[in-house]
Amino acid sequence: MSGHGFHVHGPHDHELEHATHGGHGHDESGMTNQIAMFTAIIATVGAIFGYMGGATQANAGLYKNNAAIKKTEASNQWNYYQAKSSKQNLSELALELAPPAKKEFYESEIKRYKTEKGDIKRDAEKMEAEAKSWDEKSEAQMHQHHRWAQATTALQVSIALAAIALLTRKNWLKKAMYAMGVLGIGIGGAAVLHL
């Protein structure tokens, strides 16, 4: 620019001025910027969803392991219960066959085995309930994991559509990209709500 108000524009300056004032090339640049911004946001959300999917899958495995441990403990208790039942049965048989001087001993043994069996049974049933609870928690985590995986997949498809929309400049692809992104976020919302 000279001191007399005369302006000289280079080709780049001319294009920038037109782009900022709504001149030609603005729609193309606007579409590129929108898709780039959307892709960055969706990629970030997708990374979070991917992390949550992995975390819920790990939790499901841990909970299933806890269920297996409790089932084993319950099985051990039931085996112990059976052993006490066998001893009680032998004492009952001995009571029938024993001389009168030994009958009191076998009666006390039978009473003791019945009491012990009651405690063992309560413990076994408690462990079975804990195993069932861990199984239910595992199933809930796996369901949630599947939701996170579905949401992540929808967001990845949205990002792929964004790349194709940038290359082809097709408006319908841009709409499809937005639709898949919204679908992915919706499924992620379902995962958060445990639906």
N, C-alpha and C. Protein backbone atom coordinates (compact mmCIF):
# COMPACT_ATOMS: atom_id res chain seq x y z
N MET A 1 0.85 -1.16 0.00
CA MET A 1 0.00 0.00 0.00
C MET A 1 0.90 1.23 0.00
N SER A 2 0.57 2.20 -0.84
CA SER A 2 1.36 3.44 -0.89
C SER A 2 0.70 4.50 -0.04
N GLY A 3 1.33 5.61 0.10
CA GLY A 3 0.81 6.71 0.91
C GLY A 3 -0.38 7.40 0.27
N HIS A 4 -0.71 7.14 -1.01
CA HIS A 4 -1.80 7.83 -1.72
C HIS A 4 -3.07 7.00 -1.78
N GLY A 5 -3.22 5.90 -0.93
CA GLY A 5 -4.45 5.11 -0.92
C GLY A 5 -4.53 4.05 -2.00
N PHE A 6 -3.42 3.73 -2.63
CA PHE A 6 -3.41 2.72 -3.68
C PHE A 6 -3.07 1.37 -3.06
N HIS A 7 -3.92 0.33 -3.28
CA HIS A 7 -3.74 -1.00 -2.69
C HIS A 7 -3.28 -1.99 -3.74
N VAL A 8 -2.31 -2.82 -3.35
CA VAL A 8 -1.84 -3.89 -4.22
C VAL A 8 -2.09 -5.22 -3.47
N HIS A 9 -2.86 -6.10 -4.09
CA HIS A 9 -3.18 -7.40 -3.48
C HIS A 9 -2.47 -8.50 -4.24
N GLY A 10 -1.90 -9.43 -3.47
CA GLY A 10 -1.39 -10.65 -4.09
C GLY A 10 -2.53 -11.64 -4.24
N PRO A 11 -2.34 -12.70 -5.03
CA PRO A 11 -3.42 -13.67 -5.24
C PRO A 11 -3.90 -14.33 -3.93
N HIS A 12 -2.97 -14.63 -3.04
CA HIS A 12 -3.33 -15.26 -1.77
C HIS A 12 -4.17 -14.31 -0.93
N ASP A 13 -3.77 -13.02 -0.87
CA ASP A 13 -4.53 -12.03 -0.11
C ASP A 13 -5.95 -11.89 -0.64
N HIS A 14 -6.08 -11.95 -1.95
CA HIS A 14 -7.38 -11.82 -2.60
C HIS A 14 -8.29 -12.99 -2.19
N GLU A 15 -7.76 -14.22 -2.18
CA GLU A 15 -8.53 -15.40 -1.81
C GLU A 15 -8.94 -15.36 -0.34
N LEU A 16 -8.03 -14.95 0.52
CA LEU A 16 -8.35 -14.85 1.95
C LEU A 16 -9.46 -13.83 2.20
N GLU A 17 -9.37 -12.72 1.51
CA GLU A 17 -10.39 -11.69 1.69
C GLU A 17 -11.75 -12.19 1.24
N HIS A 18 -11.79 -12.90 0.11
CA HIS A 18 -13.05 -13.44 -0.37
C HIS A 18 -13.59 -14.53 0.57
N ALA A 19 -12.72 -15.35 1.09
CA ALA A 19 -13.15 -16.43 1.99
C ALA A 19 -13.73 -15.87 3.28
N THR A 20 -13.13 -14.80 3.81
CA THR A 20 -13.63 -14.23 5.06
C THR A 20 -14.90 -13.41 4.85
N HIS A 21 -15.13 -12.95 3.63
CA HIS A 21 -16.33 -12.14 3.36
C HIS A 21 -17.38 -12.91 2.58
N GLY A 22 -17.27 -14.25 2.56
CA GLY A 22 -18.30 -15.04 1.90
C GLY A 22 -18.11 -15.15 0.41
N GLY A 23 -16.94 -14.98 -0.07
CA GLY A 23 -16.69 -15.10 -1.50
C GLY A 23 -16.58 -16.55 -1.92
N HIS A 24 -16.16 -16.79 -3.17
CA HIS A 24 -16.07 -18.17 -3.67
C HIS A 24 -15.03 -18.94 -2.88
N GLY A 25 -15.26 -20.25 -2.79
CA GLY A 25 -14.37 -21.10 -2.01
C GLY A 25 -14.77 -21.19 -0.55
N HIS A 26 -15.68 -20.37 -0.10
CA HIS A 26 -16.06 -20.35 1.31
C HIS A 26 -16.81 -21.62 1.70
N ASP A 27 -17.72 -22.09 0.87
CA ASP A 27 -18.48 -23.29 1.20
C ASP A 27 -17.57 -24.49 1.35
N GLU A 28 -16.61 -24.61 0.44
CA GLU A 28 -15.68 -25.74 0.47
C GLU A 28 -14.82 -25.69 1.73
N SER A 29 -14.32 -24.51 2.06
CA SER A 29 -13.50 -24.35 3.25
C SER A 29 -14.33 -24.57 4.51
N GLY A 30 -15.58 -24.09 4.50
CA GLY A 30 -16.47 -24.28 5.65
C GLY A 30 -16.78 -25.74 5.89
N MET A 31 -17.00 -26.48 4.80
CA MET A 31 -17.29 -27.91 4.92
C MET A 31 -16.07 -28.63 5.50
N THR A 32 -14.89 -28.28 5.00
CA THR A 32 -13.66 -28.90 5.49
C THR A 32 -13.48 -28.63 6.97
N ASN A 33 -13.70 -27.41 7.39
CA ASN A 33 -13.54 -27.05 8.80
C ASN A 33 -14.56 -27.76 9.68
N GLN A 34 -15.81 -27.83 9.21
CA GLN A 34 -16.84 -28.52 9.99
C GLN A 34 -16.51 -30.00 10.17
N ILE A 35 -16.11 -30.64 9.07
CA ILE A 35 -15.79 -32.06 9.14
C ILE A 35 -14.56 -32.29 10.01
N ALA A 36 -13.58 -31.44 9.89
CA ALA A 36 -12.37 -31.60 10.70
C ALA A 36 -12.69 -31.45 12.19
N MET A 37 -13.48 -30.47 12.54
CA MET A 37 -13.86 -30.25 13.93
C MET A 37 -14.69 -31.43 14.45
N PHE A 38 -15.66 -31.86 13.65
CA PHE A 38 -16.51 -32.98 14.04
C PHE A 38 -15.67 -34.24 14.23
N THR A 39 -14.75 -34.48 13.32
CA THR A 39 -13.90 -35.67 13.40
C THR A 39 -13.04 -35.63 14.66
N ALA A 40 -12.49 -34.50 14.98
CA ALA A 40 -11.66 -34.38 16.19
C ALA A 40 -12.49 -34.68 17.45
N ILE A 41 -13.69 -34.14 17.50
CA ILE A 41 -14.56 -34.37 18.67
C ILE A 41 -14.97 -35.83 18.76
N ILE A 42 -15.39 -36.39 17.63
CA ILE A 42 -15.85 -37.78 17.61
C ILE A 42 -14.69 -38.74 17.94
N ALA A 43 -13.50 -38.43 17.45
CA ALA A 43 -12.34 -39.28 17.75
C ALA A 43 -12.03 -39.26 19.25
N THR A 44 -12.16 -38.11 19.87
CA THR A 44 -11.92 -37.99 21.31
C THR A 44 -12.98 -38.77 22.10
N VAL A 45 -14.23 -38.59 21.73
CA VAL A 45 -15.31 -39.32 22.40
C VAL A 45 -15.13 -40.83 22.17
N GLY A 46 -14.74 -41.20 20.95
CA GLY A 46 -14.51 -42.62 20.64
C GLY A 46 -13.39 -43.22 21.49
N ALA A 47 -12.35 -42.44 21.73
CA ALA A 47 -11.25 -42.93 22.58
C ALA A 47 -11.75 -43.18 24.01
N ILE A 48 -12.59 -42.29 24.51
CA ILE A 48 -13.16 -42.47 25.85
C ILE A 48 -14.06 -43.70 25.88
N PHE A 49 -14.90 -43.85 24.86
CA PHE A 49 -15.78 -45.02 24.78
C PHE A 49 -14.96 -46.30 24.70
N GLY A 50 -13.88 -46.29 23.94
CA GLY A 50 -13.01 -47.46 23.83
C GLY A 50 -12.40 -47.84 25.17
N TYR A 51 -11.97 -46.84 25.91
CA TYR A 51 -11.43 -47.09 27.25
C TYR A 51 -12.50 -47.70 28.15
N MET A 52 -13.70 -47.12 28.14
CA MET A 52 -14.78 -47.63 28.98
C MET A 52 -15.14 -49.06 28.60
N GLY A 53 -15.11 -49.36 27.30
CA GLY A 53 -15.39 -50.72 26.86
C GLY A 53 -14.37 -51.70 27.41
N GLY A 54 -13.11 -51.33 27.38
CA GLY A 54 -12.06 -52.19 27.93
C GLY A 54 -12.19 -52.36 29.43
N ALA A 55 -12.52 -51.28 30.11
CA ALA A 55 -12.66 -51.33 31.57
C ALA A 55 -13.81 -52.24 31.98
N THR A 56 -14.95 -52.13 31.29
CA THR A 56 -16.09 -52.97 31.65
C THR A 56 -15.83 -54.44 31.32
N GLN A 57 -15.08 -54.69 30.26
CA GLN A 57 -14.74 -56.08 29.93
C GLN A 57 -13.81 -56.67 31.01
N ALA A 58 -12.85 -55.88 31.45
CA ALA A 58 -11.95 -56.34 32.51
C ALA A 58 -12.73 -56.60 33.81
N ASN A 59 -13.66 -55.70 34.14
CA ASN A 59 -14.48 -55.89 35.34
C ASN A 59 -15.32 -57.16 35.24
N ALA A 60 -15.88 -57.40 34.05
CA ALA A 60 -16.70 -58.61 33.86
C ALA A 60 -15.87 -59.86 34.13
N GLY A 61 -14.65 -59.88 33.64
CA GLY A 61 -13.77 -61.03 33.87
C GLY A 61 -13.42 -61.19 35.34
N LEU A 62 -13.15 -60.09 35.99
CA LEU A 62 -12.83 -60.13 37.43
C LEU A 62 -14.02 -60.64 38.23
N TYR A 63 -15.20 -60.13 37.91
CA TYR A 63 -16.40 -60.55 38.64
C TYR A 63 -16.71 -62.03 38.39
N LYS A 64 -16.49 -62.49 37.16
CA LYS A 64 -16.72 -63.90 36.85
C LYS A 64 -15.74 -64.77 37.63
N ASN A 65 -14.51 -64.31 37.76
CA ASN A 65 -13.51 -65.02 38.55
C ASN A 65 -13.93 -65.10 40.02
N ASN A 66 -14.43 -63.99 40.56
CA ASN A 66 -14.91 -63.99 41.94
C ASN A 66 -16.07 -64.97 42.12
N ALA A 67 -16.95 -65.04 41.11
CA ALA A 67 -18.07 -65.98 41.18
C ALA A 67 -17.56 -67.42 41.21
N ALA A 68 -16.56 -67.71 40.39
CA ALA A 68 -16.00 -69.07 40.36
C ALA A 68 -15.37 -69.43 41.70
N ILE A 69 -14.68 -68.48 42.31
CA ILE A 69 -14.07 -68.73 43.62
C ILE A 69 -15.15 -69.04 44.66
N LYS A 70 -16.21 -68.24 44.66
CA LYS A 70 -17.30 -68.46 45.63
C LYS A 70 -18.01 -69.78 45.38
N LYS A 71 -18.16 -70.17 44.10
CA LYS A 71 -18.79 -71.45 43.78
C LYS A 71 -17.93 -72.61 44.30
N THR A 72 -16.64 -72.47 44.16
CA THR A 72 -15.73 -73.50 44.67
C THR A 72 -15.80 -73.59 46.19
N GLU A 73 -15.82 -72.44 46.85
CA GLU A 73 -15.94 -72.43 48.31
C GLU A 73 -17.26 -73.05 48.75
N ALA A 74 -18.34 -72.73 48.03
CA ALA A 74 -19.64 -73.31 48.37
C ALA A 74 -19.62 -74.83 48.17
N SER A 75 -19.01 -75.27 47.09
CA SER A 75 -18.90 -76.71 46.83
C SER A 75 -18.13 -77.41 47.95
N ASN A 76 -17.05 -76.77 48.39
CA ASN A 76 -16.28 -77.33 49.49
C ASN A 76 -17.13 -77.44 50.76
N GLN A 77 -17.94 -76.42 51.01
CA GLN A 77 -18.82 -76.44 52.18
C GLN A 77 -19.84 -77.57 52.07
N TRP A 78 -20.39 -77.75 50.87
CA TRP A 78 -21.38 -78.83 50.70
C TRP A 78 -20.73 -80.19 50.87
N ASN A 79 -19.48 -80.32 50.44
CA ASN A 79 -18.76 -81.58 50.66
C ASN A 79 -18.55 -81.83 52.16
N TYR A 80 -18.23 -80.77 52.86
CA TYR A 80 -18.06 -80.85 54.31
C TYR A 80 -19.38 -81.24 54.97
N TYR A 81 -20.47 -80.64 54.47
CA TYR A 81 -21.81 -80.96 54.97
C TYR A 81 -22.10 -82.45 54.77
N GLN A 82 -21.75 -82.97 53.59
CA GLN A 82 -21.98 -84.39 53.29
C GLN A 82 -21.16 -85.29 54.24
N ALA A 83 -19.93 -84.86 54.51
CA ALA A 83 -19.10 -85.65 55.42
C ALA A 83 -19.73 -85.70 56.81
N LYS A 84 -20.24 -84.57 57.27
CA LYS A 84 -20.90 -84.53 58.58
C LYS A 84 -22.16 -85.39 58.56
N SER A 85 -22.89 -85.37 57.43
CA SER A 85 -24.09 -86.21 57.31
C SER A 85 -23.73 -87.68 57.39
N SER A 86 -22.63 -88.06 56.76
CA SER A 86 -22.19 -89.46 56.82
C SER A 86 -21.84 -89.85 58.25
N LYS A 87 -21.15 -88.97 58.95
CA LYS A 87 -20.79 -89.26 60.35
C LYS A 87 -22.04 -89.34 61.22
N GLN A 88 -23.01 -88.46 60.93
CA GLN A 88 -24.26 -88.50 61.69
C GLN A 88 -24.98 -89.82 61.43
N ASN A 89 -25.01 -90.24 60.17
CA ASN A 89 -25.67 -91.51 59.83
C ASN A 89 -24.99 -92.69 60.52
N LEU A 90 -23.66 -92.67 60.56
CA LEU A 90 -22.94 -93.75 61.24
C LEU A 90 -23.24 -93.73 62.74
N SER A 91 -23.34 -92.54 63.31
CA SER A 91 -23.67 -92.43 64.74
C SER A 91 -25.09 -92.93 64.99
N GLU A 92 -26.02 -92.64 64.09
CA GLU A 92 -27.39 -93.13 64.23
C GLU A 92 -27.44 -94.66 64.16
N LEU A 93 -26.66 -95.22 63.25
CA LEU A 93 -26.57 -96.69 63.15
C LEU A 93 -25.94 -97.26 64.42
N ALA A 94 -24.87 -96.62 64.88
CA ALA A 94 -24.19 -97.09 66.09
C ALA A 94 -25.12 -97.00 67.29
N LEU A 95 -25.97 -95.97 67.33
CA LEU A 95 -26.92 -95.82 68.42
C LEU A 95 -27.86 -97.03 68.49
N GLU A 96 -28.27 -97.51 67.34
CA GLU A 96 -29.18 -98.67 67.29
C GLU A 96 -28.47 -99.96 67.73
N LEU A 97 -27.18 -100.03 67.43
CA LEU A 97 -26.44 -101.26 67.70
C LEU A 97 -25.67 -101.24 69.02
N ALA A 98 -25.51 -100.08 69.60
CA ALA A 98 -24.66 -99.93 70.78
C ALA A 98 -25.34 -100.46 72.04
N PRO A 99 -24.51 -100.87 73.00
CA PRO A 99 -25.07 -101.26 74.31
C PRO A 99 -25.59 -100.01 75.02
N PRO A 100 -26.49 -100.16 75.96
CA PRO A 100 -27.09 -99.02 76.64
C PRO A 100 -26.07 -98.05 77.23
N ALA A 101 -24.93 -98.48 77.65
CA ALA A 101 -23.93 -97.59 78.25
C ALA A 101 -23.36 -96.62 77.21
N LYS A 102 -23.38 -96.96 75.96
CA LYS A 102 -22.81 -96.10 74.89
C LYS A 102 -23.86 -95.24 74.19
N LYS A 103 -25.12 -95.50 74.46
CA LYS A 103 -26.20 -94.79 73.75
C LYS A 103 -26.13 -93.27 73.99
N GLU A 104 -25.86 -92.87 75.19
CA GLU A 104 -25.78 -91.42 75.50
C GLU A 104 -24.68 -90.74 74.67
N PHE A 105 -23.55 -91.42 74.52
CA PHE A 105 -22.44 -90.88 73.72
C PHE A 105 -22.88 -90.65 72.27
N TYR A 106 -23.54 -91.66 71.68
CA TYR A 106 -23.95 -91.53 70.28
C TYR A 106 -25.08 -90.50 70.10
N GLU A 107 -25.94 -90.36 71.08
CA GLU A 107 -26.98 -89.33 71.02
C GLU A 107 -26.36 -87.94 71.01
N SER A 108 -25.34 -87.74 71.84
CA SER A 108 -24.67 -86.43 71.86
C SER A 108 -23.91 -86.19 70.55
N GLU A 109 -23.34 -87.25 69.98
CA GLU A 109 -22.65 -87.12 68.69
C GLU A 109 -23.64 -86.74 67.58
N ILE A 110 -24.79 -87.37 67.58
CA ILE A 110 -25.83 -87.06 66.57
C ILE A 110 -26.26 -85.60 66.71
N LYS A 111 -26.48 -85.17 67.94
CA LYS A 111 -26.88 -83.78 68.19
C LYS A 111 -25.80 -82.81 67.71
N ARG A 112 -24.53 -83.13 68.01
CA ARG A 112 -23.42 -82.27 67.59
C ARG A 112 -23.35 -82.18 66.05
N TYR A 113 -23.49 -83.32 65.37
CA TYR A 113 -23.42 -83.31 63.90
C TYR A 113 -24.56 -82.50 63.29
N LYS A 114 -25.75 -82.60 63.88
CA LYS A 114 -26.89 -81.81 63.38
C LYS A 114 -26.61 -80.31 63.51
N THR A 115 -26.07 -79.92 64.66
CA THR A 115 -25.74 -78.49 64.88
C THR A 115 -24.67 -78.03 63.89
N GLU A 116 -23.62 -78.82 63.75
CA GLU A 116 -22.53 -78.46 62.82
C GLU A 116 -23.04 -78.38 61.38
N LYS A 117 -23.90 -79.32 61.00
CA LYS A 117 -24.45 -79.32 59.65
C LYS A 117 -25.26 -78.05 59.39
N GLY A 118 -26.00 -77.58 60.39
CA GLY A 118 -26.78 -76.35 60.23
C GLY A 118 -25.88 -75.16 59.93
N ASP A 119 -24.79 -75.04 60.66
CA ASP A 119 -23.84 -73.94 60.43
C ASP A 119 -23.19 -74.05 59.06
N ILE A 120 -22.80 -75.27 58.70
CA ILE A 120 -22.15 -75.50 57.41
C ILE A 120 -23.12 -75.17 56.27
N LYS A 121 -24.36 -75.59 56.42
CA LYS A 121 -25.37 -75.32 55.39
C LYS A 121 -25.57 -73.82 55.20
N ARG A 122 -25.67 -73.08 56.30
CA ARG A 122 -25.82 -71.61 56.20
C ARG A 122 -24.64 -71.00 55.45
N ASP A 123 -23.43 -71.44 55.79
CA ASP A 123 -22.23 -70.91 55.11
C ASP A 123 -22.25 -71.24 53.62
N ALA A 124 -22.62 -72.46 53.28
CA ALA A 124 -22.66 -72.88 51.87
C ALA A 124 -23.69 -72.07 51.09
N GLU A 125 -24.86 -71.88 51.68
CA GLU A 125 -25.91 -71.10 51.02
C GLU A 125 -25.50 -69.65 50.86
N LYS A 126 -24.81 -69.11 51.85
CA LYS A 126 -24.32 -67.72 51.75
C LYS A 126 -23.30 -67.60 50.61
N MET A 127 -22.41 -68.57 50.50
CA MET A 127 -21.42 -68.54 49.42
C MET A 127 -22.06 -68.70 48.05
N GLU A 128 -23.09 -69.53 47.96
CA GLU A 128 -23.82 -69.67 46.71
C GLU A 128 -24.49 -68.35 46.32
N ALA A 129 -25.05 -67.65 47.29
CA ALA A 129 -25.69 -66.35 47.02
C ALA A 129 -24.65 -65.33 46.56
N GLU A 130 -23.48 -65.35 47.18
CA GLU A 130 -22.41 -64.45 46.76
C GLU A 130 -21.95 -64.77 45.34
N ALA A 131 -21.85 -66.05 45.02
CA ALA A 131 -21.46 -66.45 43.66
C ALA A 131 -22.49 -65.96 42.65
N LYS A 132 -23.76 -66.10 42.98
CA LYS A 132 -24.82 -65.64 42.08
C LYS A 132 -24.73 -64.12 41.89
N SER A 133 -24.48 -63.41 42.97
CA SER A 133 -24.35 -61.95 42.90
C SER A 133 -23.18 -61.55 41.98
N TRP A 134 -22.03 -62.22 42.13
CA TRP A 134 -20.88 -61.92 41.27
C TRP A 134 -21.19 -62.25 39.81
N ASP A 135 -21.91 -63.35 39.57
CA ASP A 135 -22.31 -63.69 38.20
C ASP A 135 -23.19 -62.61 37.59
N GLU A 136 -24.14 -62.11 38.37
CA GLU A 136 -25.04 -61.07 37.88
C GLU A 136 -24.27 -59.78 37.57
N LYS A 137 -23.32 -59.45 38.43
CA LYS A 137 -22.49 -58.25 38.18
C LYS A 137 -21.67 -58.43 36.91
N SER A 138 -21.15 -59.62 36.70
CA SER A 138 -20.36 -59.91 35.50
C SER A 138 -21.21 -59.75 34.24
N GLU A 139 -22.42 -60.30 34.29
CA GLU A 139 -23.32 -60.20 33.13
C GLU A 139 -23.67 -58.73 32.83
N ALA A 140 -23.90 -57.96 33.88
CA ALA A 140 -24.22 -56.53 33.68
C ALA A 140 -23.04 -55.79 33.05
N GLN A 141 -21.83 -56.11 33.49
CA GLN A 141 -20.64 -55.47 32.93
C GLN A 141 -20.44 -55.88 31.47
N MET A 142 -20.71 -57.14 31.13
CA MET A 142 -20.57 -57.57 29.74
C MET A 142 -21.60 -56.89 28.85
N HIS A 143 -22.81 -56.72 29.37
CA HIS A 143 -23.83 -56.00 28.59
C HIS A 143 -23.38 -54.57 28.34
N GLN A 144 -22.88 -53.94 29.38
CA GLN A 144 -22.39 -52.57 29.24
C GLN A 144 -21.20 -52.52 28.29
N HIS A 145 -20.31 -53.51 28.36
CA HIS A 145 -19.17 -53.58 27.45
C HIS A 145 -19.65 -53.64 26.00
N HIS A 146 -20.67 -54.43 25.73
CA HIS A 146 -21.18 -54.52 24.35
C HIS A 146 -21.72 -53.18 23.89
N ARG A 147 -22.38 -52.44 24.77
CA ARG A 147 -22.87 -51.10 24.40
C ARG A 147 -21.69 -50.17 24.06
N TRP A 148 -20.64 -50.20 24.89
CA TRP A 148 -19.48 -49.35 24.60
C TRP A 148 -18.86 -49.75 23.26
N ALA A 149 -18.77 -51.04 22.98
CA ALA A 149 -18.20 -51.50 21.71
C ALA A 149 -19.06 -51.06 20.54
N GLN A 150 -20.38 -51.14 20.67
CA GLN A 150 -21.28 -50.69 19.60
C GLN A 150 -21.12 -49.18 19.37
N ALA A 151 -21.04 -48.43 20.45
CA ALA A 151 -20.88 -46.97 20.33
C ALA A 151 -19.56 -46.63 19.65
N THR A 152 -18.50 -47.30 20.05
CA THR A 152 -17.18 -47.05 19.45
C THR A 152 -17.18 -47.38 17.96
N THR A 153 -17.83 -48.47 17.60
CA THR A 153 -17.90 -48.86 16.19
C THR A 153 -18.66 -47.82 15.38
N ALA A 154 -19.78 -47.35 15.90
CA ALA A 154 -20.55 -46.32 15.19
C ALA A 154 -19.71 -45.06 15.00
N LEU A 155 -18.94 -44.67 16.01
CA LEU A 155 -18.10 -43.47 15.89
C LEU A 155 -16.97 -43.70 14.88
N GLN A 156 -16.43 -44.91 14.81
CA GLN A 156 -15.40 -45.21 13.81
C GLN A 156 -15.96 -45.14 12.41
N VAL A 157 -17.18 -45.62 12.22
CA VAL A 157 -17.83 -45.53 10.91
C VAL A 157 -18.06 -44.06 10.57
N SER A 158 -18.45 -43.26 11.55
CA SER A 158 -18.66 -41.83 11.33
C SER A 158 -17.38 -41.16 10.87
N ILE A 159 -16.25 -41.52 11.47
CA ILE A 159 -14.96 -40.94 11.09
C ILE A 159 -14.59 -41.37 9.66
N ALA A 160 -14.87 -42.63 9.33
CA ALA A 160 -14.60 -43.09 7.96
C ALA A 160 -15.46 -42.34 6.96
N LEU A 161 -16.72 -42.11 7.28
CA LEU A 161 -17.60 -41.34 6.40
C LEU A 161 -17.10 -39.90 6.26
N ALA A 162 -16.53 -39.36 7.32
CA ALA A 162 -15.98 -38.00 7.27
C ALA A 162 -14.85 -37.93 6.25
N ALA A 163 -13.99 -38.91 6.26
CA ALA A 163 -12.88 -38.93 5.30
C ALA A 163 -13.41 -39.02 3.86
N ILE A 164 -14.40 -39.86 3.66
CA ILE A 164 -14.97 -40.00 2.32
C ILE A 164 -15.68 -38.71 1.91
N ALA A 165 -16.38 -38.09 2.84
CA ALA A 165 -17.07 -36.82 2.55
C ALA A 165 -16.07 -35.73 2.17
N LEU A 166 -14.93 -35.71 2.84
CA LEU A 166 -13.90 -34.72 2.50
C LEU A 166 -13.35 -34.94 1.09
N LEU A 167 -13.17 -36.20 0.74
CA LEU A 167 -12.62 -36.52 -0.58
C LEU A 167 -13.61 -36.28 -1.70
N THR A 168 -14.87 -36.63 -1.48
CA THR A 168 -15.86 -36.55 -2.55
C THR A 168 -16.66 -35.25 -2.55
N ARG A 169 -16.67 -34.55 -1.44
CA ARG A 169 -17.44 -33.31 -1.27
C ARG A 169 -18.94 -33.55 -1.44
N LYS A 170 -19.39 -34.75 -1.06
CA LYS A 170 -20.81 -35.10 -1.16
C LYS A 170 -21.50 -34.71 0.14
N ASN A 171 -22.53 -33.91 0.02
CA ASN A 171 -23.26 -33.42 1.18
C ASN A 171 -24.00 -34.56 1.89
N TRP A 172 -24.49 -35.54 1.13
CA TRP A 172 -25.22 -36.65 1.76
C TRP A 172 -24.28 -37.49 2.64
N LEU A 173 -23.01 -37.57 2.27
CA LEU A 173 -22.04 -38.28 3.10
C LEU A 173 -21.78 -37.52 4.40
N LYS A 174 -21.76 -36.21 4.27
CA LYS A 174 -21.59 -35.38 5.47
C LYS A 174 -22.76 -35.60 6.43
N LYS A 175 -23.99 -35.68 5.90
CA LYS A 175 -25.16 -35.93 6.73
C LYS A 175 -25.10 -37.33 7.35
N ALA A 176 -24.65 -38.30 6.55
CA ALA A 176 -24.51 -39.67 7.07
C ALA A 176 -23.46 -39.71 8.19
N MET A 177 -22.39 -38.93 8.02
CA MET A 177 -21.34 -38.84 9.04
C MET A 177 -21.93 -38.32 10.34
N TYR A 178 -22.70 -37.25 10.25
CA TYR A 178 -23.33 -36.68 11.45
C TYR A 178 -24.30 -37.69 12.08
N ALA A 179 -25.08 -38.37 11.25
CA ALA A 179 -26.06 -39.33 11.76
C ALA A 179 -25.36 -40.48 12.51
N MET A 180 -24.29 -41.00 11.94
CA MET A 180 -23.56 -42.08 12.62
C MET A 180 -22.92 -41.58 13.91
N GLY A 181 -22.43 -40.35 13.89
CA GLY A 181 -21.84 -39.79 15.11
C GLY A 181 -22.87 -39.65 16.21
N VAL A 182 -24.04 -39.15 15.86
CA VAL A 182 -25.13 -38.99 16.84
C VAL A 182 -25.57 -40.38 17.34
N LEU A 183 -25.67 -41.35 16.42
CA LEU A 183 -26.03 -42.71 16.82
C LEU A 183 -25.01 -43.27 17.81
N GLY A 184 -23.73 -43.09 17.50
CA GLY A 184 -22.68 -43.58 18.40
C GLY A 184 -22.75 -42.95 19.77
N ILE A 185 -22.97 -41.65 19.81
CA ILE A 185 -23.07 -40.96 21.09
C ILE A 185 -24.33 -41.42 21.84
N GLY A 186 -25.41 -41.66 21.10
CA GLY A 186 -26.64 -42.18 21.72
C GLY A 186 -26.43 -43.55 22.34
N ILE A 187 -25.72 -44.42 21.63
CA ILE A 187 -25.45 -45.76 22.18
C ILE A 187 -24.53 -45.63 23.39
N GLY A 188 -23.58 -44.70 23.33
CA GLY A 188 -22.71 -44.46 24.48
C GLY A 188 -23.53 -43.98 25.68
N GLY A 189 -24.53 -43.16 25.42
CA GLY A 189 -25.42 -42.71 26.50
C GLY A 189 -26.18 -43.89 27.10
N ALA A 190 -26.60 -44.83 26.24
CA ALA A 190 -27.25 -46.04 26.74
C ALA A 190 -26.30 -46.85 27.62
N ALA A 191 -25.03 -46.87 27.26
CA ALA A 191 -24.03 -47.59 28.08
C ALA A 191 -23.90 -46.92 29.45
N VAL A 192 -23.86 -45.60 29.45
CA VAL A 192 -23.74 -44.87 30.72
C VAL A 192 -24.95 -45.16 31.63
N LEU A 193 -26.13 -45.26 31.01
CA LEU A 193 -27.36 -45.49 31.76
C LEU A 193 -27.63 -46.97 32.02
N HIS A 194 -26.70 -47.83 31.60
CA HIS A 194 -26.83 -49.30 31.78
C HIS A 194 -28.07 -49.86 31.10
N LEU A 195 -28.39 -49.33 29.92
CA LEU A 195 -29.55 -49.83 29.16
C LEU A 195 -29.13 -50.90 28.18
